[in-house]
Amino acid sequence: MENIQIVADRTEEILKEKDVQMAYFTVSSSEMREFNVEGGEFSLFRTLYDSDLNITVYKDQKKGVVTINRLEEPAIREAVENGLKSAESGIADPDHGIAPKQEKKVFRQGVYEPDIERFFARSQELMEDVKEQFPKILIHSIVLSHTKYHSVYRNTNGTEFETYSGAYSVSLGFAGHEGEQTTSLCGSEFKTESLEKPFISLGSLKKDLEDAQAQLGPVSLSGKLDGVLILTPQCLSELLYGVISNFVSDHAVLEKTSIWMDKLGKKVADERLTISAAPLDERILCGQRYTQEGFLAENYDVIKNGVLQSFMLSLYVANKTGFERAKNTSYAIVIEGGDMSYEEMIRNVKSGMIVGGFSGGQPSVNGDFSGVAKNGFLIEDGNIKGAVTEVMISGNLSELLNHLVGISKETVADGDKVLPYMAFTDVVIAGK
């Protein structure tokens, strides 16, 4: 495998030779070691290597992008030439730009070199724990891996960032199973840098297994239910993605489709809600440290105490629209825990549902959504009455944020995000 610092030097030399005035590029190499489990048996162990060079060049205010995985000098030279040709066919835009020179940084994140023996032992332990603690769970597949990543970023203003990162990743597919009864396929995944704790205790895995097992013998809900909807962190993540995409993303602001275009500094959610993009949070594993334009990443609040603080914009869209550039471009979303426990949240619900997943199309431009509730549980008079199926939920994402009932003290950190359980009203819950 090529030394990526040497590849970066070659790329920089060729860009200077071609008199490229504005560009940035990343050279990276990765090594992934992976275990697969199928039918309760280890079925695969492999090591995968990858390397690539991604170059973005600008010529006469036009942008060209090219990616290659061959890092010899002729291939690099051809890539630069192809990037320039791509730029020539583009449309000139003065709002393209890159960051001014930043201080050179070397980032070390997570666990770069894995302890494979202990990782394998924890993997075996996980299989035994599931079998012992959840006898009604049928494991369809488990994928366990460690990936280490080394990259060098440079831009033509003289910025250089080097990153060494590594993390263990665990992903399970499973279903409840008893006799002839089987639930729908469920999943759970997380990343970790530590092997100190059993895998079954990390992320939301244990709760996800409990919920899947409890889905056996569900009942159908008849008619509409006027009550409270409690979203698990996993389901909350799905709906928050719709909020980000529809209201604060590059596309929504650039195309002026966001219904929050004039809401900066104004209330858009319940005052108890703060949503942060926080890749530097210690609970986020291998979070973004710099943007593609070359700015150092910082944590920031998208919404603070219900007030819209920032759109999630790249430099280009910020230049194009006049709004402020976001301090990072990650989706490392953090919502801190609230003032009531999850159990207390349930006890306070006279009528409602817990929803663990959502299956529906992309919300409409104004935030209207509708889809099937997955892993649902009916609540009556503060008690979980059992699992329910064939339930539709619908509402509006913007209105949802203003009809918050509560935020749980408990949060789930899966390495990519940190989210609590959240309860809302003003959602239509409909059975058959």
Protein backbone atom coordinates (compact mmCIF):
# COMPACT_ATOMS: atom_id res chain seq x y z
CA MET A 1 0.00 0.00 0.00
CA GLU A 2 1.33 3.43 -0.95
CA ASN A 3 2.58 5.78 1.77
CA ILE A 4 -0.21 8.35 1.79
CA GLN A 5 2.06 11.25 2.75
CA ILE A 6 4.11 10.55 -0.38
CA VAL A 7 0.91 10.39 -2.41
CA ALA A 8 -0.18 13.73 -0.93
CA ASP A 9 3.18 15.27 -1.88
CA ARG A 10 2.85 14.00 -5.46
CA THR A 11 -0.70 15.29 -5.74
CA GLU A 12 0.29 18.72 -4.45
CA GLU A 13 3.22 18.89 -6.88
CA ILE A 14 1.01 18.00 -9.86
CA LEU A 15 -1.61 20.60 -8.84
CA LYS A 16 1.13 23.25 -8.71
CA GLU A 17 2.53 22.07 -12.03
CA LYS A 18 -0.94 22.46 -13.58
CA ASP A 19 -1.20 25.92 -12.00
CA VAL A 20 -4.35 25.00 -10.08
CA GLN A 21 -5.07 27.99 -7.84
CA MET A 22 -7.84 26.49 -5.72
CA ALA A 23 -8.27 22.85 -4.77
CA TYR A 24 -8.44 20.42 -1.87
CA PHE A 25 -7.85 16.70 -1.69
CA THR A 26 -7.86 13.76 0.73
CA VAL A 27 -5.67 10.68 0.51
CA SER A 28 -6.84 7.81 2.70
CA SER A 29 -6.15 4.20 3.49
CA SER A 30 -8.20 1.83 5.59
CA GLU A 31 -8.01 -1.68 6.95
CA MET A 32 -11.15 -3.52 8.07
CA ARG A 33 -11.15 -6.81 9.95
CA GLU A 34 -14.56 -8.42 9.99
CA PHE A 35 -16.30 -11.38 11.61
CA ASN A 36 -19.67 -12.62 10.31
CA VAL A 37 -22.07 -14.84 12.22
CA GLU A 38 -24.88 -16.71 10.50
CA GLY A 39 -27.09 -19.36 12.04
CA GLY A 40 -25.26 -19.02 15.34
CA GLU A 41 -21.89 -19.92 13.84
CA PHE A 42 -18.93 -17.81 12.75
CA SER A 43 -19.07 -18.01 8.98
CA LEU A 44 -16.44 -15.53 7.83
CA PHE A 45 -13.31 -13.78 8.96
CA ARG A 46 -11.64 -11.46 6.50
CA THR A 47 -9.40 -8.43 6.25
CA LEU A 48 -10.17 -5.80 3.61
CA TYR A 49 -7.81 -3.06 2.50
CA ASP A 50 -8.79 0.09 0.66
CA SER A 51 -7.13 3.31 -0.44
CA ASP A 52 -8.32 6.26 -2.46
CA LEU A 53 -7.62 9.81 -3.49
CA ASN A 54 -10.45 12.34 -3.73
CA ILE A 55 -9.63 15.62 -5.48
CA THR A 56 -11.78 18.73 -5.88
CA VAL A 57 -10.38 21.39 -8.23
CA TYR A 58 -11.64 24.79 -9.32
CA LYS A 59 -10.85 26.43 -12.65
CA ASP A 60 -12.33 29.76 -13.72
CA GLN A 61 -14.78 29.47 -10.80
CA LYS A 62 -15.94 26.06 -12.06
CA LYS A 63 -15.79 22.90 -9.96
CA GLY A 64 -14.49 19.45 -10.88
CA VAL A 65 -14.42 16.35 -8.67
CA VAL A 66 -12.66 13.04 -9.21
CA THR A 67 -11.94 9.97 -7.07
CA ILE A 68 -9.44 7.18 -7.80
CA ASN A 69 -8.18 4.11 -5.93
CA ARG A 70 -4.91 3.72 -7.84
CA LEU A 71 -2.29 5.93 -6.24
CA GLU A 72 0.68 5.68 -8.61
CA GLU A 73 1.92 8.95 -10.11
CA PRO A 74 0.47 8.37 -13.64
CA ALA A 75 -2.94 7.71 -12.11
CA ILE A 76 -2.72 10.87 -9.97
CA ARG A 77 -1.71 12.95 -12.97
CA GLU A 78 -4.61 11.57 -15.00
CA ALA A 79 -7.00 12.26 -12.10
CA VAL A 80 -5.94 15.93 -11.89
CA GLU A 81 -6.35 16.31 -15.65
CA ASN A 82 -9.80 14.68 -15.52
CA GLY A 83 -10.80 16.94 -12.65
CA LEU A 84 -9.82 20.00 -14.68
CA LYS A 85 -11.74 18.70 -17.71
CA SER A 86 -14.77 18.16 -15.48
CA ALA A 87 -14.47 21.73 -14.22
CA GLU A 88 -14.26 23.09 -17.76
CA SER A 89 -17.70 21.63 -18.53
CA GLY A 90 -19.24 23.13 -15.40
CA ILE A 91 -20.92 26.47 -14.75
CA ALA A 92 -18.90 29.35 -13.32
CA ASP A 93 -19.96 30.29 -9.81
CA PRO A 94 -18.12 32.90 -7.70
CA ASP A 95 -19.52 31.42 -4.48
CA HIS A 96 -17.21 28.39 -4.55
CA GLY A 97 -14.46 28.63 -1.96
CA ILE A 98 -12.14 26.91 0.50
CA ALA A 99 -10.96 27.76 3.98
CA PRO A 100 -7.96 30.03 4.56
CA LYS A 101 -4.83 28.37 5.88
CA GLN A 102 -5.37 26.58 9.19
CA GLU A 103 -2.83 25.39 11.71
CA LYS A 104 -1.49 21.93 10.89
CA LYS A 105 -3.20 19.28 13.02
CA VAL A 106 -2.81 15.56 13.64
CA PHE A 107 -5.96 13.89 15.00
CA ARG A 108 -5.92 10.56 16.83
CA GLN A 109 -9.33 9.11 17.59
CA GLY A 110 -10.74 5.89 18.96
CA VAL A 111 -8.60 2.76 18.97
CA TYR A 112 -6.33 2.55 15.95
CA GLU A 113 -4.88 -0.94 16.51
CA PRO A 114 -7.44 -3.60 17.47
CA ASP A 115 -7.14 -6.34 20.07
CA ILE A 116 -8.48 -9.06 17.79
CA GLU A 117 -8.33 -11.89 20.34
CA ARG A 118 -10.35 -9.95 22.88
CA PHE A 119 -12.69 -8.69 20.19
CA PHE A 120 -13.37 -12.28 19.14
CA ALA A 121 -13.91 -13.29 22.77
CA ARG A 122 -16.42 -10.47 23.27
CA SER A 123 -18.16 -11.58 20.07
CA GLN A 124 -18.50 -15.14 21.37
CA GLU A 125 -19.72 -13.77 24.69
CA LEU A 126 -22.39 -11.75 22.88
CA MET A 127 -23.79 -14.84 21.20
CA GLU A 128 -23.90 -16.68 24.53
CA ASP A 129 -25.53 -13.72 26.30
CA VAL A 130 -28.29 -13.47 23.71
CA LYS A 131 -28.96 -17.19 23.88
CA GLU A 132 -29.08 -17.20 27.68
CA GLN A 133 -30.93 -13.92 28.35
CA PHE A 134 -33.25 -13.88 25.33
CA PRO A 135 -34.31 -17.46 24.54
CA LYS A 136 -37.09 -16.23 22.24
CA ILE A 137 -34.73 -14.25 20.01
CA LEU A 138 -33.59 -15.74 16.73
CA ILE A 139 -30.37 -14.15 15.47
CA HIS A 140 -30.33 -13.85 11.69
CA SER A 141 -26.91 -12.27 11.37
CA ILE A 142 -24.18 -10.50 13.29
CA VAL A 143 -21.49 -8.42 11.62
CA LEU A 144 -18.58 -7.38 13.85
CA SER A 145 -15.69 -5.35 12.54
CA HIS A 146 -12.81 -3.09 13.39
CA THR A 147 -11.82 -0.43 10.88
CA LYS A 148 -8.76 1.73 11.15
CA TYR A 149 -8.46 4.78 8.95
CA HIS A 150 -5.48 6.96 8.07
CA SER A 151 -5.96 10.08 5.97
CA VAL A 152 -4.17 13.25 4.88
CA TYR A 153 -6.14 16.34 3.87
CA ARG A 154 -4.58 19.34 2.13
CA ASN A 155 -5.81 22.42 0.32
CA THR A 156 -4.07 24.97 -1.86
CA ASN A 157 -4.09 27.56 0.94
CA GLY A 158 -1.55 25.46 2.81
CA THR A 159 -3.80 23.60 5.25
CA GLU A 160 -2.88 20.05 6.24
CA PHE A 161 -4.78 17.72 8.56
CA GLU A 162 -3.76 14.14 9.27
CA THR A 163 -6.11 11.65 10.94
CA TYR A 164 -5.58 8.28 12.59
CA SER A 165 -8.86 6.76 13.75
CA GLY A 166 -10.28 3.37 14.58
CA ALA A 167 -13.40 1.82 16.06
CA TYR A 168 -15.12 -1.48 16.68
CA SER A 169 -18.55 -1.82 15.08
CA VAL A 170 -21.31 -4.31 15.96
CA SER A 171 -24.50 -4.82 13.95
CA LEU A 172 -27.21 -7.42 14.59
CA GLY A 173 -30.29 -8.53 12.67
CA PHE A 174 -32.78 -10.54 14.74
CA ALA A 175 -36.43 -11.40 15.34
CA GLY A 176 -38.62 -12.73 18.11
CA HIS A 177 -39.41 -16.41 17.56
CA GLU A 178 -41.60 -18.86 19.48
CA GLY A 179 -43.24 -21.90 17.95
CA GLU A 180 -44.83 -20.74 14.71
CA GLN A 181 -44.80 -17.08 15.74
CA THR A 182 -42.14 -14.76 14.35
CA THR A 183 -41.84 -11.02 14.57
CA SER A 184 -40.64 -8.78 11.79
CA LEU A 185 -36.87 -8.43 11.40
CA CYS A 186 -35.30 -5.96 13.84
CA GLY A 187 -31.85 -4.47 14.01
CA SER A 188 -29.45 -2.80 16.40
CA GLU A 189 -25.95 -1.41 15.95
CA PHE A 190 -23.32 0.63 17.72
CA LYS A 191 -19.65 1.60 17.63
CA THR A 192 -17.19 1.46 20.51
CA GLU A 193 -13.53 2.13 21.20
CA SER A 194 -13.45 -0.05 24.32
CA LEU A 195 -13.72 -3.77 24.96
CA GLU A 196 -14.11 -3.31 28.73
CA LYS A 197 -17.87 -3.97 28.77
CA PRO A 198 -19.91 -6.86 27.35
CA PHE A 199 -21.37 -5.92 23.96
CA ILE A 200 -24.91 -6.65 25.13
CA SER A 201 -24.69 -3.67 27.50
CA LEU A 202 -23.72 -1.14 24.79
CA GLY A 203 -25.87 1.14 22.68
CA SER A 204 -29.54 0.18 22.86
CA LEU A 205 -28.91 -3.50 22.10
CA LYS A 206 -30.34 -5.00 25.28
CA LYS A 207 -33.51 -2.89 25.08
CA ASP A 208 -33.89 -3.66 21.37
CA LEU A 209 -33.69 -7.40 22.10
CA GLU A 210 -36.22 -7.06 24.94
CA ASP A 211 -38.62 -5.18 22.67
CA ALA A 212 -38.29 -7.69 19.83
CA GLN A 213 -39.03 -10.56 22.20
CA ALA A 214 -42.02 -8.67 23.61
CA GLN A 215 -43.42 -8.27 20.07
CA LEU A 216 -44.50 -11.92 20.05
CA GLY A 217 -48.28 -12.29 20.18
CA PRO A 218 -49.21 -8.73 19.15
CA VAL A 219 -52.75 -7.46 18.73
CA SER A 220 -54.19 -5.10 16.14
CA LEU A 221 -55.35 -1.63 17.09
CA SER A 222 -58.82 -0.67 15.94
CA GLY A 223 -59.73 2.88 15.04
CA LYS A 224 -57.89 6.06 15.97
CA LEU A 225 -56.07 6.69 19.20
CA ASP A 226 -55.97 10.21 20.62
CA GLY A 227 -52.98 10.22 22.92
CA VAL A 228 -49.27 10.49 23.46
CA LEU A 229 -46.58 9.09 21.17
CA ILE A 230 -43.31 8.04 22.80
CA LEU A 231 -40.42 7.68 20.36
CA THR A 232 -37.44 5.50 21.13
CA PRO A 233 -34.01 6.99 20.32
CA GLN A 234 -33.87 4.88 17.15
CA CYS A 235 -37.25 6.11 15.88
CA LEU A 236 -36.48 9.66 17.01
CA SER A 237 -33.31 9.54 14.90
CA GLU A 238 -35.34 8.67 11.80
CA LEU A 239 -37.74 11.60 12.26
CA LEU A 240 -34.95 14.04 13.15
CA TYR A 241 -33.30 13.23 9.85
CA GLY A 242 -36.50 14.46 8.20
CA VAL A 243 -36.37 17.67 10.24
CA ILE A 244 -32.77 18.31 9.20
CA SER A 245 -33.32 17.43 5.55
CA ASN A 246 -36.52 19.47 5.14
CA PHE A 247 -35.81 22.54 7.25
CA VAL A 248 -32.09 23.24 7.80
CA SER A 249 -30.05 21.37 5.16
CA ASP A 250 -28.06 22.79 2.24
CA HIS A 251 -30.72 21.71 -0.24
CA ALA A 252 -33.69 23.08 1.72
CA VAL A 253 -32.07 26.49 2.18
CA LEU A 254 -30.54 26.75 -1.29
CA GLU A 255 -33.82 25.84 -2.98
CA LYS A 256 -35.77 27.99 -0.48
CA THR A 257 -38.15 25.14 0.29
CA SER A 258 -37.56 25.27 4.06
CA ILE A 259 -40.53 26.59 6.02
CA TRP A 260 -37.96 27.92 8.51
CA MET A 261 -36.26 30.28 6.02
CA ASP A 262 -37.24 33.31 8.12
CA LYS A 263 -37.03 31.64 11.53
CA LEU A 264 -33.40 32.23 12.58
CA GLY A 265 -33.43 33.59 16.12
CA LYS A 266 -37.09 32.65 16.50
CA LYS A 267 -38.91 29.88 18.34
CA VAL A 268 -39.44 26.73 16.26
CA ALA A 269 -39.74 24.12 19.03
CA ASP A 270 -40.64 23.60 22.67
CA GLU A 271 -38.28 25.59 24.92
CA ARG A 272 -37.08 22.37 26.58
CA LEU A 273 -35.55 21.17 23.32
CA THR A 274 -31.92 21.76 22.35
CA ILE A 275 -30.50 19.94 19.33
CA SER A 276 -26.72 20.12 18.88
CA ALA A 277 -24.41 19.05 16.08
CA ALA A 278 -21.53 17.94 18.28
CA PRO A 279 -18.87 15.75 16.62
CA LEU A 280 -16.36 16.75 19.33
CA ASP A 281 -18.58 15.38 22.12
CA GLU A 282 -16.71 12.61 23.97
CA ARG A 283 -19.65 10.24 23.37
CA ILE A 284 -19.30 10.61 19.58
CA LEU A 285 -16.72 8.15 18.30
CA CYS A 286 -14.36 9.35 15.56
CA GLY A 287 -16.45 12.46 14.95
CA GLN A 288 -15.71 15.01 12.23
CA ARG A 289 -12.67 17.17 12.97
CA TYR A 290 -12.70 19.36 9.85
CA THR A 291 -14.98 20.17 6.94
CA GLN A 292 -14.20 19.33 3.32
CA GLU A 293 -13.39 23.00 2.64
CA GLY A 294 -10.72 22.88 5.36
CA PHE A 295 -12.32 24.55 8.40
CA LEU A 296 -11.72 23.03 11.82
CA ALA A 297 -14.96 21.55 13.14
CA GLU A 298 -16.65 22.98 16.22
CA ASN A 299 -19.76 21.93 18.13
CA TYR A 300 -22.80 24.16 17.75
CA ASP A 301 -26.53 24.25 18.52
CA VAL A 302 -29.00 23.96 15.67
CA ILE A 303 -31.86 24.65 18.09
CA LYS A 304 -31.29 25.97 21.63
CA ASN A 305 -34.12 26.14 24.13
CA GLY A 306 -36.56 25.94 21.25
CA VAL A 307 -34.98 28.78 19.23
CA LEU A 308 -33.44 28.16 15.78
CA GLN A 309 -29.77 29.12 16.06
CA SER A 310 -28.26 27.92 12.78
CA PHE A 311 -28.88 26.21 9.49
CA MET A 312 -26.60 23.25 8.68
CA LEU A 313 -24.86 24.85 5.71
CA SER A 314 -21.66 24.24 3.78
CA LEU A 315 -19.43 27.18 2.82
CA TYR A 316 -20.82 27.20 -0.73
CA VAL A 317 -24.47 27.47 0.32
CA ALA A 318 -23.58 30.02 3.00
CA ASN A 319 -21.87 32.17 0.36
CA LYS A 320 -24.78 31.68 -2.02
CA THR A 321 -27.53 32.56 0.46
CA GLY A 322 -25.86 34.99 2.83
CA PHE A 323 -26.53 32.82 5.89
CA GLU A 324 -23.73 31.79 8.24
CA ARG A 325 -21.67 28.68 7.48
CA ALA A 326 -22.28 25.84 9.95
CA LYS A 327 -19.39 25.13 12.32
CA ASN A 328 -19.32 21.51 11.18
CA THR A 329 -21.05 19.50 8.48
CA SER A 330 -21.65 16.28 10.41
CA TYR A 331 -24.84 14.63 11.61
CA ALA A 332 -23.46 13.91 15.07
CA ILE A 333 -26.71 14.91 16.74
CA VAL A 334 -26.82 15.24 20.53
CA ILE A 335 -29.94 15.85 22.61
CA GLU A 336 -29.27 15.76 26.34
CA GLY A 337 -31.53 13.93 28.76
CA GLY A 338 -34.49 15.64 30.39
CA ASP A 339 -36.04 15.64 33.85
CA MET A 340 -38.13 12.47 33.90
CA SER A 341 -37.23 8.80 33.70
CA TYR A 342 -38.47 6.65 30.82
CA GLU A 343 -40.65 4.68 33.24
CA GLU A 344 -42.11 7.89 34.65
CA MET A 345 -42.81 9.05 31.10
CA ILE A 346 -44.85 5.89 30.50
CA ARG A 347 -46.68 6.19 33.84
CA ASN A 348 -47.83 9.69 32.90
CA VAL A 349 -49.51 8.51 29.68
CA LYS A 350 -53.22 7.80 29.98
CA SER A 351 -53.49 6.67 26.38
CA GLY A 352 -50.78 6.33 23.77
CA MET A 353 -48.06 4.28 22.11
CA ILE A 354 -44.35 3.60 22.19
CA VAL A 355 -42.89 3.44 18.67
CA GLY A 356 -39.51 1.85 18.02
CA GLY A 357 -39.29 2.42 14.27
CA PHE A 358 -40.93 4.14 11.36
CA SER A 359 -41.47 2.98 7.79
CA GLY A 360 -42.63 5.71 5.46
CA GLY A 361 -41.65 7.88 2.56
CA GLN A 362 -39.76 11.15 2.67
CA PRO A 363 -41.78 13.81 4.53
CA SER A 364 -43.30 16.48 2.32
CA VAL A 365 -41.67 19.89 1.99
CA ASN A 366 -43.80 21.34 4.78
CA GLY A 367 -42.94 18.43 7.10
CA ASP A 368 -46.07 16.30 6.79
CA PHE A 369 -45.25 12.62 7.34
CA SER A 370 -47.16 9.36 7.35
CA GLY A 371 -46.08 5.76 7.67
CA VAL A 372 -46.22 2.47 9.53
CA ALA A 373 -45.20 2.31 13.18
CA LYS A 374 -42.73 -0.48 13.87
CA ASN A 375 -42.11 -2.24 17.20
CA GLY A 376 -45.13 -0.51 18.72
CA PHE A 377 -46.53 -0.98 22.23
CA LEU A 378 -49.92 0.22 23.46
CA ILE A 379 -50.08 2.26 26.68
CA GLU A 380 -53.23 2.55 28.78
CA ASP A 381 -53.45 4.27 32.17
CA GLY A 382 -49.69 4.39 32.56
CA ASN A 383 -49.11 0.69 31.77
CA ILE A 384 -47.78 -1.08 28.71
CA LYS A 385 -50.64 -3.33 27.58
CA GLY A 386 -48.73 -5.20 24.89
CA ALA A 387 -47.41 -5.09 21.37
CA VAL A 388 -49.54 -3.79 18.51
CA THR A 389 -49.19 -4.10 14.75
CA GLU A 390 -50.75 -2.57 11.65
CA VAL A 391 -50.66 0.92 13.11
CA MET A 392 -50.19 4.09 11.04
CA ILE A 393 -48.84 7.33 12.47
CA SER A 394 -49.01 10.71 10.80
CA GLY A 395 -48.35 14.31 11.68
CA ASN A 396 -46.15 17.28 10.88
CA LEU A 397 -42.50 17.43 11.90
CA SER A 398 -42.50 21.16 12.65
CA GLU A 399 -45.67 20.95 14.74
CA LEU A 400 -44.33 17.82 16.49
CA LEU A 401 -41.40 19.77 17.93
CA ASN A 402 -43.85 22.24 19.46
CA HIS A 403 -46.00 19.55 21.08
CA LEU A 404 -43.35 18.01 23.30
CA VAL A 405 -44.59 16.24 26.43
CA GLY A 406 -41.27 15.22 27.90
CA ILE A 407 -37.66 14.13 27.46
CA SER A 408 -36.30 11.12 29.31
CA LYS A 409 -33.34 11.29 31.67
CA GLU A 410 -31.93 8.24 29.90
CA THR A 411 -30.03 8.65 26.65
CA VAL A 412 -28.62 6.15 24.18
CA ALA A 413 -25.12 6.77 22.82
CA ASP A 414 -24.31 4.49 19.89
CA GLY A 415 -21.06 6.17 18.85
CA ASP A 416 -22.69 8.29 16.13
CA LYS A 417 -25.34 10.20 18.10
CA VAL A 418 -26.76 10.70 21.58
CA LEU A 419 -30.54 10.69 21.91
CA PRO A 420 -33.18 10.27 24.65
CA TYR A 421 -36.73 8.95 24.57
CA MET A 422 -39.16 11.76 23.73
CA ALA A 423 -42.93 12.01 24.07
CA PHE A 424 -45.23 14.10 21.87
CA THR A 425 -48.90 14.88 21.40
CA ASP A 426 -50.80 15.96 18.28
CA VAL A 427 -49.90 12.88 16.26
CA VAL A 428 -52.56 10.75 14.55
CA ILE A 429 -52.32 7.10 15.63
CA ALA A 430 -54.62 4.89 13.57
CA GLY A 431 -55.25 1.15 13.52
CA LYS A 432 -57.41 -0.83 11.16
